[in-house]
Amino acid sequence: MKNQKLAAIAYALAAAFFYALNVPCSKILLNDVAPTMMAAFLYLGAGLGVGLMYLPRLKKEKREERLSRKDLPYTIGMVVLDIFAPILLMLGVSLSTSANAALLGNFEIVATTLIALFVFKERVSKWLWTAIGFITAAIMVLSFEGTGALSFSVGSLFVLGASACWGLENNCTRSISEKSTYQIVTIKGFFSSIGSLVIALALGEKLPKIRYIFPALLLGFVAYGLSIFTYIRAQKTLGAAKTSAYYAFAPFIGAFLSLTLLREALSASYFTALLMMIVGTGFVIYDTLRHSR
């Protein structure tokens, strides 16, 4: 059991690492690719990449491992939420610094945990509640512009909206996580990409130039495809709330990449929020290891 939990933690941390590439790398590509179109190509990259990984396993996969009709409501919910979440995130990244957007993504932990508790009846310990308190305080510090007035950043609103969508999506995916991970990610990637592409074209966004398509697809395969794949594998053992909490490492890595790749200036409020989130993440790790003994 302990080895199984350690493997699940490794999957969750791998998911965080892969996803951490998303915000800073997307920030660079958004200079030449429209936000909604960018979201479409990110999920297309995920669907193509994991779909190719899935092909050799199709004949070996058992029938009961595949999604069935009873899984349809959760599958549809997963796809619909995955259409809107990356669009909101790309809008948020385009309107704020990628470092701030990376840390604000931790609101996904709060949303995932609350939905897991009240809708899906997952157990949430006092340590996880403490972690959520620190993370929520950090979000408030990071989201308001200046101390003169309570002026909320528009970019922050979009990022928080994306995180809320992904919080609900995490719980939908958790409900079908026992089924084929390859099939789930492939369906998620292709159908979410189609939905985002339709919205992008309806908004009048143009297809990006060919030289930007491959980097967007590659980023989608790693930051969405591999990240979602390892995330689902972690959920099977840890559940939605704890897996999401380990995912809190992603914004720290993303913020570091923003600093090194984009040379973004970091404010005092950023470092205050970072410290709060590190403390919150520490409580999550303690809670998980405490139950592994």
C-alpha atoms as a PDB file:
ATOM      1  CA  MET A   1       0.000   0.000   0.000  1.00  0.00           C
ATOM      2  CA  LYS A   2       2.805   2.396   0.898  1.00  0.00           C
ATOM      3  CA  ASN A   3       4.621   1.672  -2.392  1.00  0.00           C
ATOM      4  CA  GLN A   4       1.372   2.279  -4.257  1.00  0.00           C
ATOM      5  CA  LYS A   5       0.969   5.669  -2.557  1.00  0.00           C
ATOM      6  CA  LEU A   6       4.579   6.610  -3.270  1.00  0.00           C
ATOM      7  CA  ALA A   7       4.053   5.725  -6.936  1.00  0.00           C
ATOM      8  CA  ALA A   8       0.885   7.847  -6.970  1.00  0.00           C
ATOM      9  CA  ILE A   9       2.771  10.787  -5.410  1.00  0.00           C
ATOM     10  CA  ALA A  10       5.453  10.404  -8.101  1.00  0.00           C
ATOM     11  CA  TYR A  11       2.726  10.508 -10.774  1.00  0.00           C
ATOM     12  CA  ALA A  12       1.190  13.634  -9.198  1.00  0.00           C
ATOM     13  CA  LEU A  13       4.546  15.432  -9.046  1.00  0.00           C
ATOM     14  CA  ALA A  14       5.314  14.425 -12.646  1.00  0.00           C
ATOM     15  CA  ALA A  15       1.943  15.874 -13.675  1.00  0.00           C
ATOM     16  CA  ALA A  16       2.836  19.116 -11.896  1.00  0.00           C
ATOM     17  CA  PHE A  17       6.215  19.291 -13.639  1.00  0.00           C
ATOM     18  CA  PHE A  18       4.760  18.709 -17.115  1.00  0.00           C
ATOM     19  CA  TYR A  19       1.975  21.244 -16.597  1.00  0.00           C
ATOM     20  CA  ALA A  20       4.393  23.850 -15.234  1.00  0.00           C
ATOM     21  CA  LEU A  21       5.691  24.343 -18.779  1.00  0.00           C
ATOM     22  CA  ASN A  22       2.267  25.505 -19.931  1.00  0.00           C
ATOM     23  CA  VAL A  23       2.023  29.104 -18.701  1.00  0.00           C
ATOM     24  CA  PRO A  24       5.504  30.495 -19.504  1.00  0.00           C
ATOM     25  CA  CYS A  25       5.730  28.708 -22.874  1.00  0.00           C
ATOM     26  CA  SER A  26       2.167  29.714 -23.793  1.00  0.00           C
ATOM     27  CA  LYS A  27       3.006  33.314 -22.880  1.00  0.00           C
ATOM     28  CA  ILE A  28       5.696  33.263 -25.576  1.00  0.00           C
ATOM     29  CA  LEU A  29       3.461  31.678 -28.224  1.00  0.00           C
ATOM     30  CA  LEU A  30       0.538  34.015 -27.440  1.00  0.00           C
ATOM     31  CA  ASN A  31       2.513  36.791 -29.117  1.00  0.00           C
ATOM     32  CA  ASP A  32       1.709  35.082 -32.434  1.00  0.00           C
ATOM     33  CA  VAL A  33      -1.271  32.788 -31.694  1.00  0.00           C
ATOM     34  CA  ALA A  34      -4.748  33.986 -30.602  1.00  0.00           C
ATOM     35  CA  PRO A  35      -5.816  32.748 -27.108  1.00  0.00           C
ATOM     36  CA  THR A  36      -8.722  30.483 -28.089  1.00  0.00           C
ATOM     37  CA  MET A  37      -6.853  29.085 -31.067  1.00  0.00           C
ATOM     38  CA  MET A  38      -3.921  28.403 -28.748  1.00  0.00           C
ATOM     39  CA  ALA A  39      -6.173  26.392 -26.434  1.00  0.00           C
ATOM     40  CA  ALA A  40      -7.387  24.345 -29.423  1.00  0.00           C
ATOM     41  CA  PHE A  41      -3.863  23.412 -30.523  1.00  0.00           C
ATOM     42  CA  LEU A  42      -2.750  22.589 -26.968  1.00  0.00           C
ATOM     43  CA  TYR A  43      -5.498  20.001 -26.606  1.00  0.00           C
ATOM     44  CA  LEU A  44      -4.974  18.758 -30.167  1.00  0.00           C
ATOM     45  CA  GLY A  45      -1.337  18.096 -29.253  1.00  0.00           C
ATOM     46  CA  ALA A  46      -2.498  16.157 -26.191  1.00  0.00           C
ATOM     47  CA  GLY A  47      -4.958  14.078 -28.201  1.00  0.00           C
ATOM     48  CA  LEU A  48      -2.497  13.312 -31.004  1.00  0.00           C
ATOM     49  CA  GLY A  49       0.420  12.470 -28.704  1.00  0.00           C
ATOM     50  CA  VAL A  50      -1.419  10.228 -26.255  1.00  0.00           C
ATOM     51  CA  GLY A  51      -3.530   8.817 -29.106  1.00  0.00           C
ATOM     52  CA  LEU A  52      -0.346   7.556 -30.794  1.00  0.00           C
ATOM     53  CA  MET A  53       0.722   6.034 -27.459  1.00  0.00           C
ATOM     54  CA  TYR A  54      -2.703   4.369 -27.251  1.00  0.00           C
ATOM     55  CA  LEU A  55      -2.650   2.647 -30.670  1.00  0.00           C
ATOM     56  CA  PRO A  56      -0.346  -0.284 -29.705  1.00  0.00           C
ATOM     57  CA  ARG A  57      -2.488  -0.977 -26.613  1.00  0.00           C
ATOM     58  CA  LEU A  58      -5.919  -0.989 -28.287  1.00  0.00           C
ATOM     59  CA  LYS A  59      -6.047  -4.728 -29.070  1.00  0.00           C
ATOM     60  CA  LYS A  60      -4.645  -5.700 -25.655  1.00  0.00           C
ATOM     61  CA  GLU A  61      -7.071  -3.534 -23.679  1.00  0.00           C
ATOM     62  CA  LYS A  62      -9.937  -5.355 -21.963  1.00  0.00           C
ATOM     63  CA  ARG A  63     -13.517  -4.327 -22.690  1.00  0.00           C
ATOM     64  CA  GLU A  64     -14.228  -3.453 -19.044  1.00  0.00           C
ATOM     65  CA  GLU A  65     -11.273  -1.035 -19.039  1.00  0.00           C
ATOM     66  CA  ARG A  66     -12.911   1.147 -21.661  1.00  0.00           C
ATOM     67  CA  LEU A  67     -15.458   3.891 -21.063  1.00  0.00           C
ATOM     68  CA  SER A  68     -19.083   2.715 -21.155  1.00  0.00           C
ATOM     69  CA  ARG A  69     -22.476   4.373 -21.566  1.00  0.00           C
ATOM     70  CA  LYS A  70     -22.823   4.936 -17.802  1.00  0.00           C
ATOM     71  CA  ASP A  71     -19.601   6.980 -17.906  1.00  0.00           C
ATOM     72  CA  LEU A  72     -21.061   9.310 -20.552  1.00  0.00           C
ATOM     73  CA  PRO A  73     -22.253  12.142 -18.217  1.00  0.00           C
ATOM     74  CA  TYR A  74     -18.814  12.448 -16.600  1.00  0.00           C
ATOM     75  CA  THR A  75     -17.086  12.191 -19.991  1.00  0.00           C
ATOM     76  CA  ILE A  76     -19.242  14.970 -21.478  1.00  0.00           C
ATOM     77  CA  GLY A  77     -18.715  17.132 -18.399  1.00  0.00           C
ATOM     78  CA  MET A  78     -14.969  16.564 -18.610  1.00  0.00           C
ATOM     79  CA  VAL A  79     -14.838  17.618 -22.284  1.00  0.00           C
ATOM     80  CA  VAL A  80     -17.092  20.690 -21.938  1.00  0.00           C
ATOM     81  CA  LEU A  81     -15.144  22.016 -18.940  1.00  0.00           C
ATOM     82  CA  ASP A  82     -11.871  21.325 -20.746  1.00  0.00           C
ATOM     83  CA  ILE A  83     -13.054  23.444 -23.661  1.00  0.00           C
ATOM     84  CA  PHE A  84     -13.630  26.540 -21.548  1.00  0.00           C
ATOM     85  CA  ALA A  85     -10.844  26.189 -18.940  1.00  0.00           C
ATOM     86  CA  PRO A  86      -7.815  26.611 -21.268  1.00  0.00           C
ATOM     87  CA  ILE A  87      -9.538  29.443 -23.153  1.00  0.00           C
ATOM     88  CA  LEU A  88     -10.017  31.338 -19.888  1.00  0.00           C
ATOM     89  CA  LEU A  89      -6.421  30.550 -18.892  1.00  0.00           C
ATOM     90  CA  MET A  90      -4.956  31.803 -22.187  1.00  0.00           C
ATOM     91  CA  LEU A  91      -6.979  35.021 -21.840  1.00  0.00           C
ATOM     92  CA  GLY A  92      -5.718  35.408 -18.275  1.00  0.00           C
ATOM     93  CA  VAL A  93      -2.094  34.774 -19.264  1.00  0.00           C
ATOM     94  CA  SER A  94      -2.352  37.319 -22.086  1.00  0.00           C
ATOM     95  CA  LEU A  95      -3.645  39.980 -19.647  1.00  0.00           C
ATOM     96  CA  SER A  96      -1.234  39.402 -16.733  1.00  0.00           C
ATOM     97  CA  THR A  97       2.291  38.217 -16.008  1.00  0.00           C
ATOM     98  CA  SER A  98       2.862  34.501 -16.426  1.00  0.00           C
ATOM     99  CA  ALA A  99       4.382  34.293 -12.919  1.00  0.00           C
ATOM    100  CA  ASN A 100       1.164  35.606 -11.339  1.00  0.00           C
ATOM    101  CA  ALA A 101      -0.976  33.406 -13.569  1.00  0.00           C
ATOM    102  CA  ALA A 102       1.110  30.371 -12.598  1.00  0.00           C
ATOM    103  CA  LEU A 103       0.584  30.896  -8.864  1.00  0.00           C
ATOM    104  CA  LEU A 104      -3.095  31.799  -9.237  1.00  0.00           C
ATOM    105  CA  GLY A 105      -3.581  28.404 -10.847  1.00  0.00           C
ATOM    106  CA  ASN A 106      -3.403  27.014  -7.311  1.00  0.00           C
ATOM    107  CA  PHE A 107      -7.037  28.063  -6.859  1.00  0.00           C
ATOM    108  CA  GLU A 108      -7.718  24.800  -8.694  1.00  0.00           C
ATOM    109  CA  ILE A 109      -6.786  23.015  -5.457  1.00  0.00           C
ATOM    110  CA  VAL A 110      -9.435  24.916  -3.493  1.00  0.00           C
ATOM    111  CA  ALA A 111     -12.112  24.359  -6.141  1.00  0.00           C
ATOM    112  CA  THR A 112     -11.261  20.659  -6.535  1.00  0.00           C
ATOM    113  CA  THR A 113     -11.305  20.037  -2.782  1.00  0.00           C
ATOM    114  CA  LEU A 114     -14.589  21.837  -2.117  1.00  0.00           C
ATOM    115  CA  ILE A 115     -16.334  20.033  -4.981  1.00  0.00           C
ATOM    116  CA  ALA A 116     -14.833  16.693  -3.898  1.00  0.00           C
ATOM    117  CA  LEU A 117     -16.134  17.293  -0.359  1.00  0.00           C
ATOM    118  CA  PHE A 118     -19.629  18.637  -1.000  1.00  0.00           C
ATOM    119  CA  VAL A 119     -20.553  16.903  -4.272  1.00  0.00           C
ATOM    120  CA  PHE A 120     -18.525  13.686  -4.370  1.00  0.00           C
ATOM    121  CA  LYS A 121     -18.281  13.173  -0.558  1.00  0.00           C
ATOM    122  CA  GLU A 122     -14.495  12.710  -0.372  1.00  0.00           C
ATOM    123  CA  ARG A 123     -12.945  12.939   3.089  1.00  0.00           C
ATOM    124  CA  VAL A 124     -11.014  16.186   3.709  1.00  0.00           C
ATOM    125  CA  SER A 125      -8.743  16.267   6.789  1.00  0.00           C
ATOM    126  CA  LYS A 126      -8.000  19.260   9.028  1.00  0.00           C
ATOM    127  CA  TRP A 127      -4.471  19.391   7.550  1.00  0.00           C
ATOM    128  CA  LEU A 128      -5.846  19.726   4.042  1.00  0.00           C
ATOM    129  CA  TRP A 129      -8.229  22.461   5.245  1.00  0.00           C
ATOM    130  CA  THR A 130      -5.235  24.285   6.760  1.00  0.00           C
ATOM    131  CA  ALA A 131      -3.410  23.998   3.438  1.00  0.00           C
ATOM    132  CA  ILE A 132      -6.430  25.400   1.600  1.00  0.00           C
ATOM    133  CA  GLY A 133      -6.498  28.337   4.029  1.00  0.00           C
ATOM    134  CA  PHE A 134      -2.882  29.263   3.253  1.00  0.00           C
ATOM    135  CA  ILE A 135      -3.397  28.842  -0.482  1.00  0.00           C
ATOM    136  CA  THR A 136      -6.580  30.956  -0.475  1.00  0.00           C
ATOM    137  CA  ALA A 137      -4.808  33.734   1.459  1.00  0.00           C
ATOM    138  CA  ALA A 138      -1.984  33.635  -1.074  1.00  0.00           C
ATOM    139  CA  ILE A 139      -4.474  33.947  -3.941  1.00  0.00           C
ATOM    140  CA  MET A 140      -6.008  37.043  -2.342  1.00  0.00           C
ATOM    141  CA  VAL A 141      -2.572  38.649  -1.886  1.00  0.00           C
ATOM    142  CA  LEU A 142      -1.644  37.940  -5.480  1.00  0.00           C
ATOM    143  CA  SER A 143      -4.926  38.838  -7.185  1.00  0.00           C
ATOM    144  CA  PHE A 144      -5.518  42.417  -6.062  1.00  0.00           C
ATOM    145  CA  GLU A 145      -3.741  45.225  -7.858  1.00  0.00           C
ATOM    146  CA  GLY A 146      -2.012  47.552  -5.414  1.00  0.00           C
ATOM    147  CA  THR A 147      -2.870  48.487  -1.843  1.00  0.00           C
ATOM    148  CA  GLY A 148      -4.645  51.763  -2.571  1.00  0.00           C
ATOM    149  CA  ALA A 149      -7.904  50.130  -3.549  1.00  0.00           C
ATOM    150  CA  LEU A 150      -9.471  46.723  -3.864  1.00  0.00           C
ATOM    151  CA  SER A 151      -9.116  46.673  -7.647  1.00  0.00           C
ATOM    152  CA  PHE A 152      -9.243  43.121  -8.935  1.00  0.00           C
ATOM    153  CA  SER A 153      -7.087  42.211 -11.910  1.00  0.00           C
ATOM    154  CA  VAL A 154      -9.102  41.199 -14.995  1.00  0.00           C
ATOM    155  CA  GLY A 155      -6.385  38.727 -15.933  1.00  0.00           C
ATOM    156  CA  SER A 156      -6.649  37.183 -12.459  1.00  0.00           C
ATOM    157  CA  LEU A 157     -10.401  36.716 -12.889  1.00  0.00           C
ATOM    158  CA  PHE A 158      -9.874  34.733 -16.087  1.00  0.00           C
ATOM    159  CA  VAL A 159      -7.221  32.541 -14.434  1.00  0.00           C
ATOM    160  CA  LEU A 160      -9.451  31.896 -11.407  1.00  0.00           C
ATOM    161  CA  GLY A 161     -12.341  31.051 -13.754  1.00  0.00           C
ATOM    162  CA  ALA A 162     -10.130  28.525 -15.539  1.00  0.00           C
ATOM    163  CA  SER A 163      -9.085  27.021 -12.199  1.00  0.00           C
ATOM    164  CA  ALA A 164     -12.723  26.674 -11.107  1.00  0.00           C
ATOM    165  CA  CYS A 165     -13.564  24.865 -14.364  1.00  0.00           C
ATOM    166  CA  TRP A 166     -10.630  22.522 -13.893  1.00  0.00           C
ATOM    167  CA  GLY A 167     -11.617  21.937 -10.268  1.00  0.00           C
ATOM    168  CA  LEU A 168     -14.988  20.562 -11.388  1.00  0.00           C
ATOM    169  CA  GLU A 169     -13.355  18.733 -14.305  1.00  0.00           C
ATOM    170  CA  ASN A 170     -10.895  17.026 -11.934  1.00  0.00           C
ATOM    171  CA  ASN A 171     -13.806  15.531 -10.038  1.00  0.00           C
ATOM    172  CA  CYS A 172     -15.552  14.404 -13.229  1.00  0.00           C
ATOM    173  CA  THR A 173     -12.329  12.722 -14.348  1.00  0.00           C
ATOM    174  CA  ARG A 174     -11.861  11.146 -10.903  1.00  0.00           C
ATOM    175  CA  SER A 175     -15.212   9.406 -11.366  1.00  0.00           C
ATOM    176  CA  ILE A 176     -13.927   7.584 -14.475  1.00  0.00           C
ATOM    177  CA  SER A 177     -10.241   7.315 -13.491  1.00  0.00           C
ATOM    178  CA  GLU A 178     -10.451   3.526 -13.089  1.00  0.00           C
ATOM    179  CA  LYS A 179     -11.032   3.215 -16.832  1.00  0.00           C
ATOM    180  CA  SER A 180      -8.358   3.383 -19.569  1.00  0.00           C
ATOM    181  CA  THR A 181      -6.138   6.424 -18.967  1.00  0.00           C
ATOM    182  CA  TYR A 182      -5.099   6.384 -22.623  1.00  0.00           C
ATOM    183  CA  GLN A 183      -8.696   6.489 -23.819  1.00  0.00           C
ATOM    184  CA  ILE A 184      -9.678   9.241 -21.393  1.00  0.00           C
ATOM    185  CA  VAL A 185      -6.813  11.560 -22.404  1.00  0.00           C
ATOM    186  CA  THR A 186      -7.285  10.858 -26.133  1.00  0.00           C
ATOM    187  CA  ILE A 187     -11.007  11.670 -25.969  1.00  0.00           C
ATOM    188  CA  LYS A 188     -10.346  14.701 -23.784  1.00  0.00           C
ATOM    189  CA  GLY A 189      -7.700  15.998 -26.181  1.00  0.00           C
ATOM    190  CA  PHE A 190      -9.536  15.592 -29.491  1.00  0.00           C
ATOM    191  CA  PHE A 191     -13.024  16.680 -28.442  1.00  0.00           C
ATOM    192  CA  SER A 192     -11.818  19.619 -26.331  1.00  0.00           C
ATOM    193  CA  SER A 193      -9.676  20.723 -29.277  1.00  0.00           C
ATOM    194  CA  ILE A 194     -12.643  20.588 -31.670  1.00  0.00           C
ATOM    195  CA  GLY A 195     -14.806  22.613 -29.285  1.00  0.00           C
ATOM    196  CA  SER A 196     -12.111  25.263 -28.781  1.00  0.00           C
ATOM    197  CA  LEU A 197     -11.469  25.464 -32.532  1.00  0.00           C
ATOM    198  CA  VAL A 198     -15.168  26.049 -33.265  1.00  0.00           C
ATOM    199  CA  ILE A 199     -15.276  28.847 -30.670  1.00  0.00           C
ATOM    200  CA  ALA A 200     -12.035  30.370 -32.022  1.00  0.00           C
ATOM    201  CA  LEU A 201     -13.365  30.468 -35.592  1.00  0.00           C
ATOM    202  CA  ALA A 202     -16.708  31.880 -34.378  1.00  0.00           C
ATOM    203  CA  LEU A 203     -14.756  34.678 -32.638  1.00  0.00           C
ATOM    204  CA  GLY A 204     -12.970  35.446 -35.913  1.00  0.00           C
ATOM    205  CA  GLU A 205      -9.560  34.187 -34.796  1.00  0.00           C
ATOM    206  CA  LYS A 206      -7.273  33.065 -37.604  1.00  0.00           C
ATOM    207  CA  LEU A 207      -5.235  29.884 -37.807  1.00  0.00           C
ATOM    208  CA  PRO A 208      -1.633  30.494 -36.726  1.00  0.00           C
ATOM    209  CA  LYS A 209       1.241  30.389 -39.172  1.00  0.00           C
ATOM    210  CA  ILE A 210       2.675  26.915 -39.764  1.00  0.00           C
ATOM    211  CA  ARG A 211       5.899  27.667 -37.885  1.00  0.00           C
ATOM    212  CA  TYR A 212       3.916  28.166 -34.648  1.00  0.00           C
ATOM    213  CA  ILE A 213       1.698  25.080 -34.989  1.00  0.00           C
ATOM    214  CA  PHE A 214       4.321  22.428 -34.190  1.00  0.00           C
ATOM    215  CA  PRO A 215       5.588  24.181 -31.008  1.00  0.00           C
ATOM    216  CA  ALA A 216       1.963  24.558 -29.847  1.00  0.00           C
ATOM    217  CA  LEU A 217       1.233  20.869 -30.531  1.00  0.00           C
ATOM    218  CA  LEU A 218       4.431  19.764 -28.777  1.00  0.00           C
ATOM    219  CA  LEU A 219       3.642  21.953 -25.769  1.00  0.00           C
ATOM    220  CA  GLY A 220       0.113  20.512 -25.715  1.00  0.00           C
ATOM    221  CA  PHE A 221       1.405  16.939 -25.738  1.00  0.00           C
ATOM    222  CA  VAL A 222       3.751  17.555 -22.790  1.00  0.00           C
ATOM    223  CA  ALA A 223       1.898  20.175 -20.705  1.00  0.00           C
ATOM    224  CA  TYR A 224      -1.600  18.739 -21.267  1.00  0.00           C
ATOM    225  CA  GLY A 225      -1.244  15.184 -22.621  1.00  0.00           C
ATOM    226  CA  LEU A 226       1.476  13.792 -20.359  1.00  0.00           C
ATOM    227  CA  SER A 227       0.345  15.958 -17.443  1.00  0.00           C
ATOM    228  CA  ILE A 228      -3.267  14.737 -17.626  1.00  0.00           C
ATOM    229  CA  PHE A 229      -2.110  11.148 -18.121  1.00  0.00           C
ATOM    230  CA  THR A 230       0.053  11.094 -14.973  1.00  0.00           C
ATOM    231  CA  TYR A 231      -2.559  13.126 -13.059  1.00  0.00           C
ATOM    232  CA  ILE A 232      -5.253  10.512 -13.704  1.00  0.00           C
ATOM    233  CA  ARG A 233      -2.890   7.714 -12.676  1.00  0.00           C
ATOM    234  CA  ALA A 234      -2.310   9.557  -9.375  1.00  0.00           C
ATOM    235  CA  GLN A 235      -6.043  10.086  -8.831  1.00  0.00           C
ATOM    236  CA  LYS A 236      -6.692   6.345  -8.816  1.00  0.00           C
ATOM    237  CA  THR A 237      -4.860   6.052  -5.490  1.00  0.00           C
ATOM    238  CA  LEU A 238      -4.883   9.518  -3.911  1.00  0.00           C
ATOM    239  CA  GLY A 239      -8.331  10.800  -4.919  1.00  0.00           C
ATOM    240  CA  ALA A 240      -9.187  14.163  -6.473  1.00  0.00           C
ATOM    241  CA  ALA A 241      -8.461  16.427  -3.483  1.00  0.00           C
ATOM    242  CA  LYS A 242      -4.967  15.158  -2.591  1.00  0.00           C
ATOM    243  CA  THR A 243      -3.819  14.780  -6.197  1.00  0.00           C
ATOM    244  CA  SER A 244      -4.850  18.361  -6.844  1.00  0.00           C
ATOM    245  CA  ALA A 245      -2.953  19.482  -3.750  1.00  0.00           C
ATOM    246  CA  TYR A 246       0.289  17.869  -4.960  1.00  0.00           C
ATOM    247  CA  TYR A 247      -0.337  19.660  -8.227  1.00  0.00           C
ATOM    248  CA  ALA A 248       0.401  22.846  -6.265  1.00  0.00           C
ATOM    249  CA  PHE A 249       4.061  22.347  -7.158  1.00  0.00           C
ATOM    250  CA  ALA A 250       3.265  23.241 -10.785  1.00  0.00           C
ATOM    251  CA  PRO A 251       2.828  26.996 -10.158  1.00  0.00           C
ATOM    252  CA  PHE A 252       6.141  27.149  -8.251  1.00  0.00           C
ATOM    253  CA  ILE A 253       7.961  25.557 -11.180  1.00  0.00           C
ATOM    254  CA  GLY A 254       6.016  27.691 -13.664  1.00  0.00           C
ATOM    255  CA  ALA A 255       6.848  30.886 -11.797  1.00  0.00           C
ATOM    256  CA  PHE A 256      10.549  29.950 -11.760  1.00  0.00           C
ATOM    257  CA  LEU A 257      10.440  29.335 -15.528  1.00  0.00           C
ATOM    258  CA  SER A 258       8.689  32.694 -15.987  1.00  0.00           C
ATOM    259  CA  LEU A 259      11.528  34.367 -14.148  1.00  0.00           C
ATOM    260  CA  THR A 260      14.263  32.613 -16.127  1.00  0.00           C
ATOM    261  CA  LEU A 261      12.660  32.492 -19.599  1.00  0.00           C
ATOM    262  CA  LEU A 262      10.708  35.762 -19.660  1.00  0.00           C
ATOM    263  CA  ARG A 263      12.759  37.890 -17.235  1.00  0.00           C
ATOM    264  CA  GLU A 264       9.593  39.091 -15.511  1.00  0.00           C
ATOM    265  CA  ALA A 265       9.995  41.365 -12.495  1.00  0.00           C
ATOM    266  CA  LEU A 266       8.566  39.881  -9.307  1.00  0.00           C
ATOM    267  CA  SER A 267       6.854  42.050  -6.676  1.00  0.00           C
ATOM    268  CA  ALA A 268       6.971  41.812  -2.881  1.00  0.00           C
ATOM    269  CA  SER A 269       3.371  40.522  -2.893  1.00  0.00           C
ATOM    270  CA  TYR A 270       4.468  37.715  -5.204  1.00  0.00           C
ATOM    271  CA  PHE A 271       7.085  36.485  -2.706  1.00  0.00           C
ATOM    272  CA  THR A 272       4.576  36.782   0.156  1.00  0.00           C
ATOM    273  CA  ALA A 273       2.091  34.669  -1.787  1.00  0.00           C
ATOM    274  CA  LEU A 274       4.804  32.179  -2.720  1.00  0.00           C
ATOM    275  CA  LEU A 275       5.741  31.677   0.942  1.00  0.00           C
ATOM    276  CA  MET A 276       2.089  31.107   1.902  1.00  0.00           C
ATOM    277  CA  MET A 277       1.680  28.533  -0.853  1.00  0.00           C
ATOM    278  CA  ILE A 278       4.850  26.687   0.154  1.00  0.00           C
ATOM    279  CA  VAL A 279       3.524  26.406   3.716  1.00  0.00           C
ATOM    280  CA  GLY A 280       0.152  25.193   2.415  1.00  0.00           C
ATOM    281  CA  THR A 281       1.807  22.584   0.210  1.00  0.00           C
ATOM    282  CA  GLY A 282       3.833  21.396   3.201  1.00  0.00           C
ATOM    283  CA  PHE A 283       0.604  20.628   5.084  1.00  0.00           C
ATOM    284  CA  VAL A 284      -0.638  18.585   2.107  1.00  0.00           C
ATOM    285  CA  ILE A 285       2.547  16.503   1.996  1.00  0.00           C
ATOM    286  CA  TYR A 286       2.367  15.909   5.750  1.00  0.00           C
ATOM    287  CA  ASP A 287      -1.265  14.813   5.495  1.00  0.00           C
ATOM    288  CA  THR A 288      -0.522  12.295   2.724  1.00  0.00           C
ATOM    289  CA  LEU A 289       2.549  10.793   4.405  1.00  0.00           C
ATOM    290  CA  ARG A 290       0.707  10.617   7.744  1.00  0.00           C
ATOM    291  CA  HIS A 291      -1.834   8.245   6.190  1.00  0.00           C
ATOM    292  CA  SER A 292       0.895   6.145   4.559  1.00  0.00           C
ATOM    293  CA  ARG A 293       2.353   4.990   7.868  1.00  0.00           C
END
